[in-house]
Amino acid sequence: MRQMVMNLLENDDDMHMMYLTKIFNDPQLAKNFQSFDTDTAESLLEVYLHDIYAMQSRVSLMLHNVQNTESVVMLRLDTKRNYLLTVDLTLTLWTATISVSTFITGCFGMNLNSNIQEVDYLFYIVAFITVFFPIITVLTIKKKLENRGISMSLNAK
């Protein structure tokens, strides 16, 4: 549409042909276009052209705003996804380390004759290992991951 209005403004013959009422009232004007001025039609078309430019600018600005909003929303979704992955990794790590302690407890809980029950302080040693092994393992893995740049903090931002 903008290109059509610009072409119309550039072509003087087309501008003169827009005065249909003048040409209808005086058919001789159709042969000699230079006898009347087209300033009024040019002014109207320039106003329309200006409005077209303004609308085009507003549409472009809105499109840019929509794209920016989409980028912000995608960044927020990525942040939430990364947070959920961190929670999943933390829970998986705790589950894996606690399952080792559960296995050890299960082995000692079986009613098998192994003469282990006769060793003094073995109960306290096993209890200490099953309690502190998961904690020490999780802290060690967390530190190694943080050294590699993977944060395991669960602070939602």
C-alpha atoms as a PDB file:
ATOM      1  CA  MET A   1       0.000   0.000   0.000  1.00  0.00           C
ATOM      2  CA  ARG A   2       2.812   2.383   0.902  1.00  0.00           C
ATOM      3  CA  GLN A   3       4.556   1.668  -2.390  1.00  0.00           C
ATOM      4  CA  MET A   4       1.327   2.301  -4.326  1.00  0.00           C
ATOM      5  CA  VAL A   5       0.803   5.692  -2.666  1.00  0.00           C
ATOM      6  CA  MET A   6       4.437   6.639  -3.338  1.00  0.00           C
ATOM      7  CA  ASN A   7       4.109   5.660  -7.016  1.00  0.00           C
ATOM      8  CA  LEU A   8       0.905   7.683  -7.273  1.00  0.00           C
ATOM      9  CA  LEU A   9       2.605  10.750  -5.770  1.00  0.00           C
ATOM     10  CA  GLU A  10       5.492  10.460  -8.238  1.00  0.00           C
ATOM     11  CA  ASN A  11       3.285  10.187 -11.340  1.00  0.00           C
ATOM     12  CA  ASP A  12       1.796  13.593 -12.285  1.00  0.00           C
ATOM     13  CA  ASP A  13      -0.614  12.171 -14.880  1.00  0.00           C
ATOM     14  CA  ASP A  14      -2.175   9.856 -12.323  1.00  0.00           C
ATOM     15  CA  MET A  15      -2.441  12.734  -9.855  1.00  0.00           C
ATOM     16  CA  HIS A  16      -4.310  14.823 -12.419  1.00  0.00           C
ATOM     17  CA  MET A  17      -6.611  11.902 -13.270  1.00  0.00           C
ATOM     18  CA  MET A  18      -7.718  11.786  -9.630  1.00  0.00           C
ATOM     19  CA  TYR A  19      -9.734  14.965 -10.160  1.00  0.00           C
ATOM     20  CA  LEU A  20     -12.687  13.122 -11.692  1.00  0.00           C
ATOM     21  CA  THR A  21     -15.281  15.788 -10.895  1.00  0.00           C
ATOM     22  CA  LYS A  22     -13.204  18.553 -12.532  1.00  0.00           C
ATOM     23  CA  ILE A  23     -12.600  16.439 -15.617  1.00  0.00           C
ATOM     24  CA  PHE A  24     -16.277  15.420 -15.769  1.00  0.00           C
ATOM     25  CA  ASN A  25     -17.421  19.053 -15.534  1.00  0.00           C
ATOM     26  CA  ASP A  26     -14.843  20.274 -18.071  1.00  0.00           C
ATOM     27  CA  PRO A  27     -13.726  17.454 -20.442  1.00  0.00           C
ATOM     28  CA  GLN A  28     -11.123  19.772 -22.049  1.00  0.00           C
ATOM     29  CA  LEU A  29      -9.017  19.486 -18.876  1.00  0.00           C
ATOM     30  CA  ALA A  30      -8.357  15.825 -19.715  1.00  0.00           C
ATOM     31  CA  LYS A  31      -6.285  16.961 -22.729  1.00  0.00           C
ATOM     32  CA  ASN A  32      -4.321  19.610 -20.867  1.00  0.00           C
ATOM     33  CA  PHE A  33      -3.462  18.474 -17.361  1.00  0.00           C
ATOM     34  CA  GLN A  34      -1.125  21.360 -16.663  1.00  0.00           C
ATOM     35  CA  SER A  35      -4.007  23.827 -16.490  1.00  0.00           C
ATOM     36  CA  PHE A  36      -4.929  22.903 -12.904  1.00  0.00           C
ATOM     37  CA  ASP A  37      -2.971  22.197  -9.751  1.00  0.00           C
ATOM     38  CA  THR A  38      -2.904  18.880  -7.814  1.00  0.00           C
ATOM     39  CA  ASP A  39      -1.710  20.243  -4.459  1.00  0.00           C
ATOM     40  CA  THR A  40      -4.848  19.226  -2.562  1.00  0.00           C
ATOM     41  CA  ALA A  41      -4.658  15.591  -3.685  1.00  0.00           C
ATOM     42  CA  GLU A  42      -0.905  15.525  -3.031  1.00  0.00           C
ATOM     43  CA  SER A  43      -1.444  16.882   0.489  1.00  0.00           C
ATOM     44  CA  LEU A  44      -4.075  14.244   1.235  1.00  0.00           C
ATOM     45  CA  LEU A  45      -1.912  11.430  -0.122  1.00  0.00           C
ATOM     46  CA  GLU A  46       1.120  12.672   1.816  1.00  0.00           C
ATOM     47  CA  VAL A  47      -0.960  12.665   5.007  1.00  0.00           C
ATOM     48  CA  TYR A  48      -2.048   9.082   4.247  1.00  0.00           C
ATOM     49  CA  LEU A  49       1.560   8.148   3.513  1.00  0.00           C
ATOM     50  CA  HIS A  50       2.650   9.674   6.815  1.00  0.00           C
ATOM     51  CA  ASP A  51      -0.066   7.671   8.621  1.00  0.00           C
ATOM     52  CA  ILE A  52       1.121   4.503   6.875  1.00  0.00           C
ATOM     53  CA  TYR A  53       4.694   5.164   8.030  1.00  0.00           C
ATOM     54  CA  ALA A  54       3.468   5.798  11.589  1.00  0.00           C
ATOM     55  CA  MET A  55       1.451   2.569  11.639  1.00  0.00           C
ATOM     56  CA  GLN A  56       4.361   0.649  10.191  1.00  0.00           C
ATOM     57  CA  SER A  57       6.623   2.027  12.931  1.00  0.00           C
ATOM     58  CA  ARG A  58       4.116   1.117  15.648  1.00  0.00           C
ATOM     59  CA  VAL A  59       3.698  -2.403  14.283  1.00  0.00           C
ATOM     60  CA  SER A  60       7.470  -2.800  14.110  1.00  0.00           C
ATOM     61  CA  LEU A  61       7.814  -1.570  17.700  1.00  0.00           C
ATOM     62  CA  MET A  62       5.083  -3.935  18.901  1.00  0.00           C
ATOM     63  CA  LEU A  63       6.742  -6.843  17.112  1.00  0.00           C
ATOM     64  CA  HIS A  64      10.048  -5.941  18.740  1.00  0.00           C
ATOM     65  CA  ASN A  65       8.357  -5.758  22.170  1.00  0.00           C
ATOM     66  CA  VAL A  66       6.723  -9.155  21.628  1.00  0.00           C
ATOM     67  CA  GLN A  67      10.082 -10.676  20.693  1.00  0.00           C
ATOM     68  CA  ASN A  68      11.723  -9.141  23.775  1.00  0.00           C
ATOM     69  CA  THR A  69       8.924 -10.436  25.999  1.00  0.00           C
ATOM     70  CA  GLU A  70       9.282 -13.879  24.447  1.00  0.00           C
ATOM     71  CA  SER A  71      13.015 -13.823  25.177  1.00  0.00           C
ATOM     72  CA  VAL A  72      12.432 -12.824  28.804  1.00  0.00           C
ATOM     73  CA  VAL A  73       9.816 -15.556  29.260  1.00  0.00           C
ATOM     74  CA  MET A  74      12.145 -18.150  27.714  1.00  0.00           C
ATOM     75  CA  LEU A  75      14.957 -17.062  30.057  1.00  0.00           C
ATOM     76  CA  ARG A  76      12.662 -17.401  33.064  1.00  0.00           C
ATOM     77  CA  LEU A  77      11.543 -20.833  31.912  1.00  0.00           C
ATOM     78  CA  ASP A  78      15.178 -21.864  31.447  1.00  0.00           C
ATOM     79  CA  THR A  79      15.950 -20.665  34.971  1.00  0.00           C
ATOM     80  CA  LYS A  80      13.056 -22.652  36.427  1.00  0.00           C
ATOM     81  CA  ARG A  81      14.069 -25.731  34.422  1.00  0.00           C
ATOM     82  CA  ASN A  82      17.643 -25.452  35.690  1.00  0.00           C
ATOM     83  CA  TYR A  83      16.348 -25.113  39.249  1.00  0.00           C
ATOM     84  CA  LEU A  84      14.229 -28.255  38.835  1.00  0.00           C
ATOM     85  CA  LEU A  85      17.240 -30.102  37.429  1.00  0.00           C
ATOM     86  CA  THR A  86      19.263 -29.041  40.478  1.00  0.00           C
ATOM     87  CA  VAL A  87      16.528 -30.284  42.820  1.00  0.00           C
ATOM     88  CA  ASP A  88      16.361 -33.555  40.890  1.00  0.00           C
ATOM     89  CA  LEU A  89      20.140 -33.990  41.020  1.00  0.00           C
ATOM     90  CA  THR A  90      20.216 -33.266  44.755  1.00  0.00           C
ATOM     91  CA  LEU A  91      17.408 -35.710  45.529  1.00  0.00           C
ATOM     92  CA  THR A  92      18.978 -38.393  43.330  1.00  0.00           C
ATOM     93  CA  LEU A  93      22.319 -37.917  45.059  1.00  0.00           C
ATOM     94  CA  TRP A  94      20.759 -38.218  48.515  1.00  0.00           C
ATOM     95  CA  THR A  95      18.745 -41.264  47.458  1.00  0.00           C
ATOM     96  CA  ALA A  96      21.815 -43.021  46.071  1.00  0.00           C
ATOM     97  CA  THR A  97      23.921 -42.410  49.161  1.00  0.00           C
ATOM     98  CA  ILE A  98      21.161 -43.345  51.601  1.00  0.00           C
ATOM     99  CA  SER A  99      20.510 -46.557  49.675  1.00  0.00           C
ATOM    100  CA  VAL A 100      24.099 -47.672  50.413  1.00  0.00           C
ATOM    101  CA  SER A 101      23.463 -47.157  54.131  1.00  0.00           C
ATOM    102  CA  THR A 102      20.164 -48.996  53.803  1.00  0.00           C
ATOM    103  CA  PHE A 103      21.945 -51.909  52.133  1.00  0.00           C
ATOM    104  CA  ILE A 104      24.507 -52.118  54.944  1.00  0.00           C
ATOM    105  CA  THR A 105      21.741 -51.962  57.549  1.00  0.00           C
ATOM    106  CA  GLY A 106      19.833 -54.671  55.700  1.00  0.00           C
ATOM    107  CA  CYS A 107      22.874 -56.928  55.589  1.00  0.00           C
ATOM    108  CA  PHE A 108      23.416 -56.585  59.337  1.00  0.00           C
ATOM    109  CA  GLY A 109      19.719 -57.033  60.014  1.00  0.00           C
ATOM    110  CA  MET A 110      19.599 -60.512  58.481  1.00  0.00           C
ATOM    111  CA  ASN A 111      19.456 -63.402  60.882  1.00  0.00           C
ATOM    112  CA  LEU A 112      22.613 -65.065  59.610  1.00  0.00           C
ATOM    113  CA  ASN A 113      25.293 -66.547  61.793  1.00  0.00           C
ATOM    114  CA  SER A 114      28.466 -64.694  60.836  1.00  0.00           C
ATOM    115  CA  ASN A 115      30.067 -64.176  64.236  1.00  0.00           C
ATOM    116  CA  ILE A 116      30.137 -60.423  63.522  1.00  0.00           C
ATOM    117  CA  GLN A 117      27.762 -59.824  66.368  1.00  0.00           C
ATOM    118  CA  GLU A 118      30.436 -60.942  68.795  1.00  0.00           C
ATOM    119  CA  VAL A 119      32.883 -58.143  67.839  1.00  0.00           C
ATOM    120  CA  ASP A 120      32.911 -55.363  70.423  1.00  0.00           C
ATOM    121  CA  TYR A 121      31.885 -51.862  69.257  1.00  0.00           C
ATOM    122  CA  LEU A 122      31.022 -53.098  65.730  1.00  0.00           C
ATOM    123  CA  PHE A 123      27.457 -51.867  66.166  1.00  0.00           C
ATOM    124  CA  TYR A 124      28.692 -48.353  66.907  1.00  0.00           C
ATOM    125  CA  ILE A 125      31.126 -48.395  63.984  1.00  0.00           C
ATOM    126  CA  VAL A 126      28.422 -49.529  61.537  1.00  0.00           C
ATOM    127  CA  ALA A 127      25.915 -47.021  62.937  1.00  0.00           C
ATOM    128  CA  PHE A 128      28.476 -44.225  62.585  1.00  0.00           C
ATOM    129  CA  ILE A 129      29.277 -45.249  58.984  1.00  0.00           C
ATOM    130  CA  THR A 130      25.624 -45.549  57.955  1.00  0.00           C
ATOM    131  CA  VAL A 131      24.788 -42.124  59.392  1.00  0.00           C
ATOM    132  CA  PHE A 132      27.798 -40.129  58.255  1.00  0.00           C
ATOM    133  CA  PHE A 133      28.583 -41.841  54.932  1.00  0.00           C
ATOM    134  CA  PRO A 134      25.664 -40.171  53.061  1.00  0.00           C
ATOM    135  CA  ILE A 135      26.444 -36.761  54.542  1.00  0.00           C
ATOM    136  CA  ILE A 136      30.166 -36.907  53.747  1.00  0.00           C
ATOM    137  CA  THR A 137      29.522 -38.325  50.260  1.00  0.00           C
ATOM    138  CA  VAL A 138      26.958 -35.652  49.363  1.00  0.00           C
ATOM    139  CA  LEU A 139      29.194 -32.846  50.627  1.00  0.00           C
ATOM    140  CA  THR A 140      32.188 -34.241  48.709  1.00  0.00           C
ATOM    141  CA  ILE A 141      30.255 -34.585  45.454  1.00  0.00           C
ATOM    142  CA  LYS A 142      28.730 -31.143  45.946  1.00  0.00           C
ATOM    143  CA  LYS A 143      32.183 -29.607  46.366  1.00  0.00           C
ATOM    144  CA  LYS A 144      33.519 -31.378  43.253  1.00  0.00           C
ATOM    145  CA  LEU A 145      30.523 -30.205  41.210  1.00  0.00           C
ATOM    146  CA  GLU A 146      30.951 -26.626  42.420  1.00  0.00           C
ATOM    147  CA  ASN A 147      34.636 -26.767  41.432  1.00  0.00           C
ATOM    148  CA  ARG A 148      33.453 -27.669  37.924  1.00  0.00           C
ATOM    149  CA  GLY A 149      30.995 -24.762  37.899  1.00  0.00           C
ATOM    150  CA  ILE A 150      27.788 -26.669  38.689  1.00  0.00           C
ATOM    151  CA  SER A 151      25.974 -25.045  41.596  1.00  0.00           C
ATOM    152  CA  MET A 152      23.987 -27.348  43.842  1.00  0.00           C
ATOM    153  CA  SER A 153      22.385 -24.621  45.944  1.00  0.00           C
ATOM    154  CA  LEU A 154      18.609 -24.759  46.082  1.00  0.00           C
ATOM    155  CA  ASN A 155      18.069 -21.011  46.307  1.00  0.00           C
ATOM    156  CA  ALA A 156      15.236 -20.188  43.898  1.00  0.00           C
ATOM    157  CA  LYS A 157      15.822 -16.902  42.135  1.00  0.00           C
END
